[in-house]
Every structure is written in C-alpha cells, then in structure tokens.
N, C-alpha and C. Protein backbone atom coordinates (compact mmCIF):
# COMPACT_ATOMS: atom_id res chain seq x y z
N MET A 1 23.80 -3.75 7.09
CA MET A 1 22.83 -3.65 6.28
C MET A 1 22.13 -4.92 6.16
N ARG A 2 20.84 -5.33 6.14
CA ARG A 2 20.29 -7.11 6.13
C ARG A 2 19.53 -7.23 4.70
N GLU A 3 19.46 -8.47 4.19
CA GLU A 3 19.28 -8.08 3.01
C GLU A 3 17.94 -8.90 3.09
N ARG A 4 17.16 -8.10 2.00
CA ARG A 4 15.60 -8.60 2.06
C ARG A 4 15.21 -9.23 0.93
N THR A 5 14.42 -10.25 1.48
CA THR A 5 14.00 -11.48 0.57
C THR A 5 12.82 -10.95 0.45
N GLN A 6 11.81 -10.12 1.07
CA GLN A 6 10.40 -9.98 0.58
C GLN A 6 9.58 -9.14 -0.26
N PRO A 7 8.89 -9.29 -1.12
CA PRO A 7 8.12 -8.49 -1.85
C PRO A 7 8.66 -7.00 -1.53
N GLY A 8 9.32 -6.10 -2.37
CA GLY A 8 9.06 -4.54 -2.31
C GLY A 8 7.79 -4.10 -1.74
N LEU A 9 7.19 -3.41 -0.93
CA LEU A 9 5.84 -2.49 -1.10
C LEU A 9 6.22 -1.03 -0.56
N LEU A 10 5.46 -0.15 -1.44
CA LEU A 10 5.68 1.21 -1.28
C LEU A 10 4.50 1.73 -0.38
N ILE A 11 4.80 2.58 0.55
CA ILE A 11 3.24 3.30 0.85
C ILE A 11 3.74 4.74 0.77
N VAL A 12 2.30 5.70 0.17
CA VAL A 12 2.31 7.00 -0.16
C VAL A 12 0.92 7.08 0.63
N ASP A 13 1.19 8.12 1.69
CA ASP A 13 0.21 8.31 2.05
C ASP A 13 0.80 9.64 3.23
N HIS A 14 0.11 10.98 2.95
CA HIS A 14 0.54 12.29 3.93
C HIS A 14 0.17 12.30 5.45
N ASP A 15 -0.10 11.40 6.16
CA ASP A 15 -0.40 11.03 7.29
C ASP A 15 0.78 10.12 7.91
N GLY A 16 1.80 11.32 8.75
CA GLY A 16 2.59 10.51 8.96
C GLY A 16 2.82 9.39 10.33
N VAL A 17 1.57 9.70 11.27
CA VAL A 17 1.27 8.58 12.32
C VAL A 17 1.02 7.49 11.30
N THR A 18 -0.02 7.20 10.51
CA THR A 18 -0.52 6.34 9.90
C THR A 18 0.12 5.61 8.56
N LEU A 19 1.37 6.69 8.53
CA LEU A 19 2.23 6.14 7.59
C LEU A 19 3.20 5.09 8.09
N ARG A 20 3.62 5.60 9.50
CA ARG A 20 4.59 5.20 10.17
C ARG A 20 4.47 3.58 10.91
N GLU A 21 3.40 3.54 11.37
CA GLU A 21 2.05 2.30 12.04
C GLU A 21 1.78 1.61 10.59
N GLU A 22 1.90 1.61 10.06
CA GLU A 22 1.22 0.99 8.67
C GLU A 22 2.72 0.40 7.95
N ALA A 23 3.76 0.78 7.68
CA ALA A 23 4.64 0.91 7.95
C ALA A 23 5.92 -0.33 8.69
N ALA A 24 5.27 -0.11 10.43
CA ALA A 24 6.06 -0.96 10.97
C ALA A 24 5.17 -2.02 11.13
N PHE A 25 3.83 -2.58 10.89
CA PHE A 25 3.19 -3.43 10.73
C PHE A 25 3.80 -4.25 9.47
N LEU A 26 4.06 -4.06 8.48
CA LEU A 26 4.01 -4.43 7.43
C LEU A 26 5.25 -4.75 6.86
N ASP A 27 5.95 -4.80 7.89
CA ASP A 27 7.88 -4.59 7.58
C ASP A 27 7.66 -6.54 7.89
N ALA A 28 7.20 -6.82 8.65
CA ALA A 28 7.04 -8.23 8.82
C ALA A 28 7.24 -9.21 7.63
N SER A 29 6.56 -8.69 6.54
CA SER A 29 6.04 -9.27 5.23
C SER A 29 6.91 -8.70 4.14
N PHE A 30 7.25 -7.18 4.28
CA PHE A 30 7.55 -6.76 2.87
C PHE A 30 8.94 -6.26 3.60
N ASP A 31 9.21 -5.39 2.47
CA ASP A 31 10.65 -4.75 1.95
C ASP A 31 10.03 -2.89 1.74
N VAL A 32 9.36 -2.69 2.97
CA VAL A 32 8.75 -1.49 3.35
C VAL A 32 9.36 0.14 2.88
N ARG A 33 8.85 0.79 1.82
CA ARG A 33 9.69 1.98 1.55
C ARG A 33 8.34 2.92 2.06
N VAL A 34 8.40 4.10 2.43
CA VAL A 34 7.42 5.57 2.46
C VAL A 34 8.24 6.34 1.68
N GLU A 35 6.70 6.81 1.46
CA GLU A 35 6.56 8.30 0.62
C GLU A 35 5.65 8.86 1.26
N ALA A 36 5.67 10.28 1.62
CA ALA A 36 4.47 11.47 1.40
C ALA A 36 3.67 11.91 0.33
N GLY A 37 4.32 12.23 -0.91
CA GLY A 37 4.02 12.53 -1.58
C GLY A 37 3.79 11.64 -2.89
N SER A 38 3.46 12.02 -3.84
CA SER A 38 3.46 11.25 -5.41
C SER A 38 5.06 11.61 -5.87
N SER A 39 5.65 12.76 -6.26
CA SER A 39 7.44 13.10 -7.05
C SER A 39 7.99 12.33 -6.34
N GLY A 40 7.57 12.02 -4.67
CA GLY A 40 8.86 11.25 -4.11
C GLY A 40 8.49 9.45 -4.47
N ALA A 41 7.40 9.14 -4.35
CA ALA A 41 6.77 8.06 -4.56
C ALA A 41 7.33 7.52 -5.95
N LEU A 42 7.34 8.31 -7.05
CA LEU A 42 8.21 8.18 -8.21
C LEU A 42 9.25 7.92 -8.18
N ARG A 43 10.10 8.65 -7.92
CA ARG A 43 11.32 8.27 -7.17
C ARG A 43 12.02 6.85 -6.82
N VAL A 44 10.89 7.14 -5.96
CA VAL A 44 11.45 5.21 -5.21
C VAL A 44 11.28 4.54 -6.21
N MET A 45 9.90 4.53 -7.39
CA MET A 45 9.80 3.50 -8.01
C MET A 45 11.10 3.39 -9.24
N GLU A 46 11.51 4.52 -9.46
CA GLU A 46 12.38 4.28 -10.70
C GLU A 46 13.61 4.07 -9.72
N ASP A 47 14.07 4.12 -8.80
CA ASP A 47 15.34 3.58 -8.33
C ASP A 47 15.26 2.11 -8.08
N ASN A 48 13.97 1.46 -7.37
CA ASN A 48 13.87 -0.21 -7.38
C ASN A 48 12.79 -0.23 -6.96
N PRO A 49 11.73 -0.91 -8.02
CA PRO A 49 10.58 -0.95 -8.56
C PRO A 49 9.68 -1.94 -7.35
N ALA A 50 8.81 -1.32 -6.46
CA ALA A 50 7.95 -2.26 -5.80
C ALA A 50 7.03 -3.34 -6.41
N ALA A 51 7.09 -4.06 -5.78
CA ALA A 51 5.49 -5.60 -6.24
C ALA A 51 4.48 -5.01 -6.09
N ALA A 52 4.42 -3.90 -4.94
CA ALA A 52 3.04 -3.30 -4.51
C ALA A 52 2.80 -1.95 -4.08
N VAL A 53 1.86 -1.04 -4.58
CA VAL A 53 1.85 0.18 -3.92
C VAL A 53 0.54 0.44 -3.25
N LEU A 54 0.77 1.03 -2.11
CA LEU A 54 -0.45 1.39 -1.60
C LEU A 54 -0.29 3.21 -1.57
N VAL A 55 -1.46 3.36 -2.14
CA VAL A 55 -1.90 4.86 -2.09
C VAL A 55 -3.01 5.38 -1.16
N ASP A 56 -3.01 6.41 -0.47
CA ASP A 56 -3.75 7.34 0.24
C ASP A 56 -4.50 8.23 -1.17
N VAL A 57 -6.17 7.69 -1.11
CA VAL A 57 -6.94 8.39 -2.09
C VAL A 57 -6.84 9.71 -1.60
N ASP A 58 -6.98 9.47 -0.14
CA ASP A 58 -7.16 11.07 0.45
C ASP A 58 -5.58 12.24 0.39
N LEU A 59 -4.74 11.84 -0.72
CA LEU A 59 -3.59 12.50 -0.75
C LEU A 59 -3.95 14.32 -1.17
N PRO A 60 -3.52 15.54 -0.86
CA PRO A 60 -4.27 16.74 -0.92
C PRO A 60 -4.40 16.63 -2.66
N GLY A 61 -5.07 17.54 -3.01
CA GLY A 61 -5.62 18.20 -4.88
C GLY A 61 -6.29 16.65 -4.99
N ASP A 62 -6.00 16.17 -6.19
CA ASP A 62 -6.03 15.06 -7.15
C ASP A 62 -4.72 14.23 -6.88
N PHE A 63 -3.62 14.61 -6.50
CA PHE A 63 -2.30 13.92 -6.57
C PHE A 63 -2.50 12.13 -6.54
N ALA A 64 -3.39 11.56 -6.01
CA ALA A 64 -3.54 10.46 -6.27
C ALA A 64 -3.79 10.07 -7.71
N LEU A 65 -4.88 10.81 -7.99
CA LEU A 65 -5.56 9.98 -9.44
C LEU A 65 -4.18 9.92 -10.38
N GLY A 66 -3.64 10.74 -10.44
CA GLY A 66 -2.59 11.28 -11.17
C GLY A 66 -1.37 10.04 -11.54
N LEU A 67 -0.79 9.79 -9.94
CA LEU A 67 0.22 9.15 -9.21
C LEU A 67 -0.38 7.86 -9.88
N VAL A 68 -1.56 7.39 -9.20
CA VAL A 68 -1.87 5.74 -9.95
C VAL A 68 -2.25 5.74 -11.51
N ALA A 69 -2.41 6.34 -12.12
CA ALA A 69 -2.29 6.60 -13.75
C ALA A 69 -1.06 6.64 -14.03
N GLU A 70 -0.26 7.13 -13.52
CA GLU A 70 1.15 7.16 -13.74
C GLU A 70 2.27 5.44 -13.40
N LEU A 71 1.85 5.24 -12.01
CA LEU A 71 2.25 3.79 -11.78
C LEU A 71 2.08 2.90 -12.78
N ARG A 72 0.80 2.98 -13.27
CA ARG A 72 0.18 2.03 -14.23
C ARG A 72 0.90 1.98 -15.46
N ARG A 73 0.75 3.57 -15.93
CA ARG A 73 1.84 3.14 -17.01
C ARG A 73 2.85 2.84 -17.29
N ARG A 74 3.91 3.66 -15.99
CA ARG A 74 5.42 2.65 -15.96
C ARG A 74 5.82 1.25 -15.53
N TRP A 75 4.46 0.95 -14.48
CA TRP A 75 4.97 -0.19 -14.07
C TRP A 75 3.67 -1.19 -14.18
N PRO A 76 3.24 -1.62 -15.16
CA PRO A 76 2.48 -2.10 -15.17
C PRO A 76 1.89 -3.77 -14.45
N ALA A 77 2.90 -4.03 -13.91
CA ALA A 77 2.40 -5.79 -13.45
C ALA A 77 2.61 -5.22 -12.28
N THR A 78 3.17 -4.12 -11.25
CA THR A 78 2.58 -3.65 -10.35
C THR A 78 1.60 -3.68 -9.43
N LEU A 79 1.18 -4.10 -7.93
CA LEU A 79 -0.39 -4.31 -7.45
C LEU A 79 -0.41 -2.79 -7.12
N LEU A 80 -1.44 -2.16 -7.59
CA LEU A 80 -1.94 -0.79 -7.25
C LEU A 80 -2.94 -1.14 -6.00
N VAL A 81 -2.89 -0.51 -4.61
CA VAL A 81 -3.90 -0.51 -3.96
C VAL A 81 -4.73 0.66 -3.59
N CYS A 82 -5.40 1.57 -3.58
CA CYS A 82 -6.06 2.30 -2.90
C CYS A 82 -6.62 2.07 -2.02
N MET A 83 -6.11 2.93 -0.77
CA MET A 83 -6.92 3.41 0.36
C MET A 83 -7.52 4.71 0.51
N TYR A 84 -9.06 4.55 1.16
CA TYR A 84 -9.75 5.77 1.35
C TYR A 84 -10.44 5.60 2.37
N SER A 85 -10.83 7.10 2.87
CA SER A 85 -11.07 7.48 4.01
C SER A 85 -12.64 8.34 4.01
N ASN A 86 -12.60 9.42 2.86
CA ASN A 86 -13.37 9.80 2.41
C ASN A 86 -14.46 9.46 1.59
N GLY A 87 -15.38 9.11 2.02
CA GLY A 87 -16.21 8.70 1.20
C GLY A 87 -16.74 9.35 -0.12
N ASP A 88 -17.27 10.96 0.25
CA ASP A 88 -17.82 11.63 -1.39
C ASP A 88 -16.77 11.76 -1.64
N ARG A 89 -14.95 11.82 -1.37
CA ARG A 89 -14.06 12.12 -2.67
C ARG A 89 -13.80 11.05 -2.98
N PHE A 90 -13.96 9.58 -2.75
CA PHE A 90 -14.01 7.94 -3.55
C PHE A 90 -14.91 7.78 -4.15
N GLN A 91 -15.81 8.27 -3.74
CA GLN A 91 -17.10 8.02 -4.98
C GLN A 91 -16.80 9.20 -6.29
N ARG A 92 -16.88 10.50 -6.00
CA ARG A 92 -16.08 11.28 -7.46
C ARG A 92 -14.86 10.76 -7.86
N LEU A 93 -13.51 9.70 -7.59
CA LEU A 93 -12.56 9.52 -8.00
C LEU A 93 -12.91 7.62 -8.43
N GLU A 94 -13.48 6.86 -7.72
CA GLU A 94 -13.82 5.78 -8.07
C GLU A 94 -13.41 5.00 -9.55
N PRO A 95 -14.55 5.99 -10.55
CA PRO A 95 -14.82 5.44 -11.67
C PRO A 95 -13.36 6.03 -12.54
N MET A 96 -12.12 6.82 -12.07
CA MET A 96 -11.04 6.51 -12.78
C MET A 96 -10.29 6.13 -12.32
N LEU A 97 -10.89 5.84 -10.81
CA LEU A 97 -9.46 4.91 -10.35
C LEU A 97 -9.16 3.70 -10.42
N ARG A 98 -10.80 2.82 -11.31
CA ARG A 98 -11.30 1.42 -11.32
C ARG A 98 -10.72 1.05 -12.81
N GLU A 99 -10.33 2.04 -13.28
CA GLU A 99 -9.53 1.52 -14.65
C GLU A 99 -8.00 1.23 -14.05
N THR A 100 -7.58 2.08 -13.32
CA THR A 100 -6.11 1.44 -13.21
C THR A 100 -5.58 0.71 -11.68
N ALA A 101 -6.38 0.96 -10.78
CA ALA A 101 -6.21 0.51 -9.71
C ALA A 101 -7.18 -1.12 -9.56
N ASP A 102 -5.67 -2.19 -8.51
CA ASP A 102 -6.16 -3.57 -8.59
C ASP A 102 -7.49 -3.76 -7.04
N VAL A 103 -7.13 -3.17 -5.92
CA VAL A 103 -7.56 -3.26 -5.00
C VAL A 103 -8.22 -1.69 -4.49
N PHE A 104 -8.82 -2.10 -3.47
CA PHE A 104 -9.64 -0.90 -2.65
C PHE A 104 -10.16 -1.32 -1.13
N LEU A 105 -9.25 -0.47 -0.30
CA LEU A 105 -9.06 -0.93 0.88
C LEU A 105 -10.01 0.37 1.60
N ALA A 106 -11.29 0.40 2.53
CA ALA A 106 -11.80 1.69 3.13
C ALA A 106 -10.99 1.62 4.51
N ARG A 107 -10.96 2.83 4.95
CA ARG A 107 -10.60 2.96 6.70
C ARG A 107 -11.46 3.24 7.46
N PRO A 108 -11.28 2.81 8.59
CA PRO A 108 -9.99 2.52 9.05
C PRO A 108 -9.63 1.08 8.71
N LEU A 109 -8.30 0.79 8.98
CA LEU A 109 -8.04 -0.55 8.09
C LEU A 109 -7.69 -1.43 9.44
N ASP A 110 -7.71 -2.82 9.38
CA ASP A 110 -7.69 -3.50 9.82
C ASP A 110 -6.10 -3.85 8.98
N LEU A 111 -4.90 -3.76 10.14
CA LEU A 111 -4.00 -3.93 9.72
C LEU A 111 -3.59 -5.51 9.47
N GLY A 112 -4.14 -6.07 9.92
CA GLY A 112 -3.86 -7.59 9.82
C GLY A 112 -4.91 -8.57 8.62
N ARG A 113 -5.77 -7.36 8.51
CA ARG A 113 -6.61 -7.73 6.71
C ARG A 113 -6.00 -7.50 5.71
N MET A 114 -4.87 -6.02 5.87
CA MET A 114 -4.80 -5.43 4.77
C MET A 114 -3.24 -5.96 4.80
N GLU A 115 -2.79 -6.61 5.59
CA GLU A 115 -1.61 -7.49 5.33
C GLU A 115 -1.90 -8.80 4.52
N GLN A 116 -3.32 -9.22 4.68
CA GLN A 116 -3.41 -10.31 4.23
C GLN A 116 -3.92 -10.40 3.18
N ALA A 117 -4.69 -8.99 2.66
CA ALA A 117 -5.23 -8.99 1.38
C ALA A 117 -4.17 -8.68 0.39
N LEU A 118 -2.93 -7.73 0.78
CA LEU A 118 -1.86 -7.38 -0.05
C LEU A 118 -1.17 -8.85 -0.18
N LEU A 119 -0.70 -10.23 0.61
CA LEU A 119 -0.40 -11.11 0.47
C LEU A 119 -1.16 -12.20 -0.53
N SER A 120 -2.49 -11.98 -0.34
CA SER A 120 -3.51 -12.67 -1.21
C SER A 120 -3.08 -12.14 -3.04
N ALA A 121 -3.03 -11.07 -3.04
CA ALA A 121 -2.88 -10.41 -4.30
C ALA A 121 -1.93 -10.79 -4.95
N LEU A 122 -0.77 -10.81 -4.47
CA LEU A 122 0.13 -11.04 -4.62
C LEU A 122 1.00 -12.57 -4.65
N SER A 123 0.08 -13.25 -4.69
CA SER A 123 -0.38 -14.63 -3.89
C SER A 123 1.19 -15.17 -3.36
N ILE A 124 0.85 -15.03 -2.19
CA ILE A 124 2.16 -14.87 -1.38
C ILE A 124 1.89 -15.65 0.22
N PRO A 125 2.26 -16.61 0.29
CA PRO A 125 1.89 -17.46 1.59
C PRO A 125 2.07 -16.52 2.98
N ARG A 126 1.37 -16.34 4.15
CA ARG A 126 1.83 -15.35 5.22
C ARG A 126 2.69 -16.45 6.25
N THR A 127 3.75 -15.71 6.72
CA THR A 127 4.70 -16.89 7.83
C THR A 127 4.96 -16.32 8.33
N GLY A 128 4.78 -14.95 8.94
CA GLY A 128 5.24 -14.05 9.74
C GLY A 128 4.24 -14.36 10.67
N THR A 129 4.31 -12.67 11.94
CA THR A 129 3.47 -12.22 12.62
C THR A 129 3.71 -10.82 12.82
N GLY A 130 2.85 -9.69 12.44
CA GLY A 130 2.70 -8.82 12.70
C GLY A 130 2.53 -7.90 13.52
N THR A 131 2.98 -6.53 14.23
CA THR A 131 2.28 -6.07 15.36
C THR A 131 2.67 -4.72 15.05
N SER A 132 1.45 -4.09 15.18
CA SER A 132 1.47 -2.71 14.80
C SER A 132 1.90 -1.47 16.33
N GLU A 133 2.29 -0.60 16.08
CA GLU A 133 2.76 0.26 17.12
C GLU A 133 1.53 0.30 18.26
N SER A 134 0.36 -0.11 18.26
CA SER A 134 -0.35 0.32 18.92
C SER A 134 -0.56 -1.35 19.96
N GLY A 135 0.08 -2.38 19.29
CA GLY A 135 -0.01 -3.40 20.03
C GLY A 135 -0.54 -4.43 19.25
N HIS A 136 -1.52 -4.38 18.41
CA HIS A 136 -2.60 -5.01 17.55
C HIS A 136 -1.36 -6.14 17.18
N GLU A 137 -1.59 -7.30 17.45
CA GLU A 137 -0.82 -8.29 17.10
C GLU A 137 -1.85 -9.49 16.21
N VAL A 138 -1.41 -10.26 15.20
CA VAL A 138 -2.00 -11.13 14.16
C VAL A 138 -0.86 -12.07 14.26
N SER A 139 -1.64 -13.63 14.14
CA SER A 139 -0.59 -14.53 14.27
C SER A 139 -0.31 -14.62 12.62
N GLY A 140 0.49 -15.71 12.34
CA GLY A 140 0.76 -15.87 10.90
C GLY A 140 -0.02 -17.14 10.65
N GLY A 141 0.21 -17.77 9.25
CA GLY A 141 -0.65 -19.10 9.35
C GLY A 141 -0.40 -19.52 8.03
N GLU A 142 -0.72 -20.43 7.30
CA GLU A 142 -1.00 -20.47 6.31
C GLU A 142 -2.42 -20.09 5.49
N ARG A 143 -2.26 -19.32 4.31
CA ARG A 143 -3.65 -19.22 3.94
C ARG A 143 -4.93 -20.06 3.60
N PRO A 144 -5.98 -19.69 3.59
CA PRO A 144 -6.91 -20.63 3.19
C PRO A 144 -6.77 -21.03 1.63
C-alpha cells in the first residue's frame, strides 16, 4: 500500500462513468475517494475527512442539498464544491447552496480547469500532469 501525501478529495456523483473519469484524472494531485450517494459520503468523511468534497448537485431527489449542509455543519473547514449540469434545478437550489458551498462548477467540466480550481482553492501549487480516461492531458506547472 502506498502512502499518500496529497490532500484528500471525496467525489460524490451518481454517474459511474463520470465518477471514474474524474477520479482517474485527479488521482495525480489528490488522494481520491469516490461515493455514489450521500450516506456513503458521510461514512467516508467520518472514517477519514477529506480536504475537499466535490458534490454532484444533480444527485437524485434533494440529497445534494442535505449532504452539503451536513458536510458544512460537521466539517466546516472542508472545501465544498458543487458541480451541476441541470440549469433549472441548480437555479432552484442555488440560494440554499450559496449559504454552504464554496465553489460552483458547471458541467461539462474541463478536468484540467477543475483540478486547477481545486488546487487554487486549497492553495496548493500544481506539480503533476493529469490524464483523463479519454486521453485529455494537462501539463503541470506553477500557478500564476
């Protein structure tokens, strides 16, 4: 088992394909953990809190709203990032999410920009190169 020195990142997304691609790309910069639902995400955080959590706002029902609120309440220092693709749904949830989430990312996501947004928000210089399953490569380098 390799020892990870990267910050922990939990990705909560009900779309398995997207979840795997995001996790594979971000693994070079983060100790990535994944969950498909809110109850599993809370268990992961209880076992080993992450520095940042990416939450898919399009989780079925209003689970994302409850999850983000619970994460903020229990782990106030954790960076909470909401990803969304459904504009109407996001507009309905945005006022409530704005009270708890730190960053909002619209889909489709450019994985390199998502990585940079996370690293910048956590104040970590980018040092590696990430590659998505689709082969999209982003070179590393220092933040401006």
